Amino acid sequence: MNSKTRSKLISLAMTTPATVQIGKNGLTDSVIEQINQSLEDHELVKISVLRSADQTAKGVIAEAAEKTGSEPVQAIGNKIVLYRVSHKDGIRHLLLED
């Protein structure tokens, strides 16, 4: 992912609410499933890492991206942004030029 694409995704994520939360149990199978579903439905997902979690956003972004097959966009504060092209029909795909 180049910097222009990453910048566009970051700007889109600013207005996107966090749809998944990572708590003290970390990246459980159910959290991974929620992230995968959000990625299929929206392509861009913002994740909130709760204060009770053992890991920070920067500490968990690579693992979350690897387990979901997505691209890490940003980890700042307690928020993570991931992107993956959806193969689901009937959704509005993000238009990104590389």
C-alpha atoms as a PDB file:
ATOM      1  CA  MET A   1       0.000   0.000   0.000  1.00  0.00           C
ATOM      2  CA  ASN A   2       1.456   3.339  -0.989  1.00  0.00           C
ATOM      3  CA  SER A   3       1.325   6.510   1.112  1.00  0.00           C
ATOM      4  CA  LYS A   4      -1.350   8.177  -1.045  1.00  0.00           C
ATOM      5  CA  THR A   5      -3.715   5.214  -0.604  1.00  0.00           C
ATOM      6  CA  ARG A   6      -2.943   5.033   3.111  1.00  0.00           C
ATOM      7  CA  SER A   7      -3.690   8.768   3.498  1.00  0.00           C
ATOM      8  CA  LYS A   8      -7.034   8.388   1.759  1.00  0.00           C
ATOM      9  CA  LEU A   9      -7.969   5.441   3.988  1.00  0.00           C
ATOM     10  CA  ILE A  10      -6.957   7.376   7.105  1.00  0.00           C
ATOM     11  CA  SER A  11      -9.152  10.299   6.077  1.00  0.00           C
ATOM     12  CA  LEU A  12     -12.091   7.949   5.436  1.00  0.00           C
ATOM     13  CA  ALA A  13     -11.542   6.274   8.797  1.00  0.00           C
ATOM     14  CA  MET A  14     -11.742   9.581  10.666  1.00  0.00           C
ATOM     15  CA  THR A  15     -15.508   9.690  10.155  1.00  0.00           C
ATOM     16  CA  THR A  16     -16.006   5.960  10.680  1.00  0.00           C
ATOM     17  CA  PRO A  17     -17.122   4.814  14.134  1.00  0.00           C
ATOM     18  CA  ALA A  18     -15.286   1.976  15.869  1.00  0.00           C
ATOM     19  CA  THR A  19     -17.304  -1.177  15.197  1.00  0.00           C
ATOM     20  CA  VAL A  20     -15.211  -3.746  17.073  1.00  0.00           C
ATOM     21  CA  GLN A  21     -13.669  -3.656  20.553  1.00  0.00           C
ATOM     22  CA  ILE A  22     -10.685  -5.604  21.820  1.00  0.00           C
ATOM     23  CA  GLY A  23     -10.892  -6.167  25.571  1.00  0.00           C
ATOM     24  CA  LYS A  24      -8.816  -7.858  28.247  1.00  0.00           C
ATOM     25  CA  ASN A  25      -9.032 -11.248  26.510  1.00  0.00           C
ATOM     26  CA  GLY A  26      -7.255  -9.833  23.449  1.00  0.00           C
ATOM     27  CA  LEU A  27      -7.744 -11.196  19.930  1.00  0.00           C
ATOM     28  CA  THR A  28     -10.082 -14.081  20.589  1.00  0.00           C
ATOM     29  CA  ASP A  29     -11.692 -16.127  17.827  1.00  0.00           C
ATOM     30  CA  SER A  30     -14.941 -14.203  18.251  1.00  0.00           C
ATOM     31  CA  VAL A  31     -13.155 -10.838  17.898  1.00  0.00           C
ATOM     32  CA  ILE A  32     -11.394 -12.074  14.738  1.00  0.00           C
ATOM     33  CA  GLU A  33     -14.775 -13.222  13.405  1.00  0.00           C
ATOM     34  CA  GLN A  34     -16.291  -9.781  14.128  1.00  0.00           C
ATOM     35  CA  ILE A  35     -13.396  -8.050  12.362  1.00  0.00           C
ATOM     36  CA  ASN A  36     -13.718 -10.361   9.336  1.00  0.00           C
ATOM     37  CA  GLN A  37     -17.459  -9.676   9.129  1.00  0.00           C
ATOM     38  CA  SER A  38     -16.927  -5.908   9.351  1.00  0.00           C
ATOM     39  CA  LEU A  39     -14.246  -6.068   6.662  1.00  0.00           C
ATOM     40  CA  GLU A  40     -16.575  -7.998   4.341  1.00  0.00           C
ATOM     41  CA  ASP A  41     -19.409  -5.547   4.997  1.00  0.00           C
ATOM     42  CA  HIS A  42     -17.444  -2.274   4.865  1.00  0.00           C
ATOM     43  CA  GLU A  43     -13.844  -2.945   3.655  1.00  0.00           C
ATOM     44  CA  LEU A  44     -12.545  -0.416   6.205  1.00  0.00           C
ATOM     45  CA  VAL A  45     -12.903  -1.123   9.907  1.00  0.00           C
ATOM     46  CA  LYS A  46     -11.957   0.892  12.961  1.00  0.00           C
ATOM     47  CA  ILE A  47     -11.229  -1.102  16.099  1.00  0.00           C
ATOM     48  CA  SER A  48     -11.072   0.222  19.637  1.00  0.00           C
ATOM     49  CA  VAL A  49      -8.583  -1.334  22.048  1.00  0.00           C
ATOM     50  CA  LEU A  50     -10.043  -0.939  25.523  1.00  0.00           C
ATOM     51  CA  ARG A  51      -7.942   0.251  28.445  1.00  0.00           C
ATOM     52  CA  SER A  52      -8.515  -3.091  30.161  1.00  0.00           C
ATOM     53  CA  ALA A  53      -6.725  -4.892  27.313  1.00  0.00           C
ATOM     54  CA  ASP A  54      -3.253  -6.260  28.001  1.00  0.00           C
ATOM     55  CA  GLN A  55      -1.927  -4.952  24.689  1.00  0.00           C
ATOM     56  CA  THR A  56      -1.789  -1.526  23.075  1.00  0.00           C
ATOM     57  CA  ALA A  57      -3.157  -0.680  19.636  1.00  0.00           C
ATOM     58  CA  LYS A  58       0.361  -0.645  18.175  1.00  0.00           C
ATOM     59  CA  GLY A  59       1.073  -3.977  19.805  1.00  0.00           C
ATOM     60  CA  VAL A  60      -1.955  -5.735  18.343  1.00  0.00           C
ATOM     61  CA  ILE A  61      -2.335  -4.241  14.828  1.00  0.00           C
ATOM     62  CA  ALA A  62       0.120  -6.598  13.091  1.00  0.00           C
ATOM     63  CA  GLU A  63      -1.442  -9.697  14.653  1.00  0.00           C
ATOM     64  CA  ALA A  64      -4.969  -8.515  13.797  1.00  0.00           C
ATOM     65  CA  ALA A  65      -3.958  -7.814  10.191  1.00  0.00           C
ATOM     66  CA  GLU A  66      -2.256 -11.186   9.845  1.00  0.00           C
ATOM     67  CA  LYS A  67      -5.169 -13.169  11.285  1.00  0.00           C
ATOM     68  CA  THR A  68      -7.730 -11.382   9.097  1.00  0.00           C
ATOM     69  CA  GLY A  69      -5.676 -11.141   5.899  1.00  0.00           C
ATOM     70  CA  SER A  70      -6.058  -7.371   5.880  1.00  0.00           C
ATOM     71  CA  GLU A  71      -3.765  -4.389   5.466  1.00  0.00           C
ATOM     72  CA  PRO A  72      -2.849  -2.382   8.575  1.00  0.00           C
ATOM     73  CA  VAL A  73      -3.636   1.260   7.894  1.00  0.00           C
ATOM     74  CA  GLN A  74      -3.075   3.030  11.198  1.00  0.00           C
ATOM     75  CA  ALA A  75      -2.664   2.480  14.924  1.00  0.00           C
ATOM     76  CA  ILE A  76      -2.977   5.667  16.922  1.00  0.00           C
ATOM     77  CA  GLY A  77      -3.994   6.086  20.536  1.00  0.00           C
ATOM     78  CA  ASN A  78      -6.339   3.215  21.302  1.00  0.00           C
ATOM     79  CA  LYS A  79      -7.679   2.871  17.737  1.00  0.00           C
ATOM     80  CA  ILE A  80      -6.681   0.527  14.916  1.00  0.00           C
ATOM     81  CA  VAL A  81      -7.729   0.837  11.285  1.00  0.00           C
ATOM     82  CA  LEU A  82      -7.647  -2.166   8.931  1.00  0.00           C
ATOM     83  CA  TYR A  83      -8.517  -2.447   5.221  1.00  0.00           C
ATOM     84  CA  ARG A  84      -9.332  -5.422   3.015  1.00  0.00           C
ATOM     85  CA  VAL A  85     -11.119  -5.553  -0.332  1.00  0.00           C
ATOM     86  CA  SER A  86     -14.486  -7.240   0.100  1.00  0.00           C
ATOM     87  CA  HIS A  87     -15.688  -9.989  -2.204  1.00  0.00           C
ATOM     88  CA  LYS A  88     -19.271  -9.589  -1.053  1.00  0.00           C
ATOM     89  CA  ASP A  89     -21.859  -8.599  -3.645  1.00  0.00           C
ATOM     90  CA  GLY A  90     -24.136  -5.644  -3.079  1.00  0.00           C
ATOM     91  CA  ILE A  91     -21.814  -3.427  -1.056  1.00  0.00           C
ATOM     92  CA  ARG A  92     -20.341  -0.096  -2.026  1.00  0.00           C
ATOM     93  CA  HIS A  93     -16.633  -0.654  -2.603  1.00  0.00           C
ATOM     94  CA  LEU A  94     -14.080   1.996  -1.681  1.00  0.00           C
ATOM     95  CA  LEU A  95     -12.542   3.535  -4.772  1.00  0.00           C
ATOM     96  CA  LEU A  96      -8.800   3.600  -4.290  1.00  0.00           C
ATOM     97  CA  GLU A  97      -6.272   4.412  -6.959  1.00  0.00           C
ATOM     98  CA  ASP A  98      -2.770   3.025  -6.541  1.00  0.00           C
END
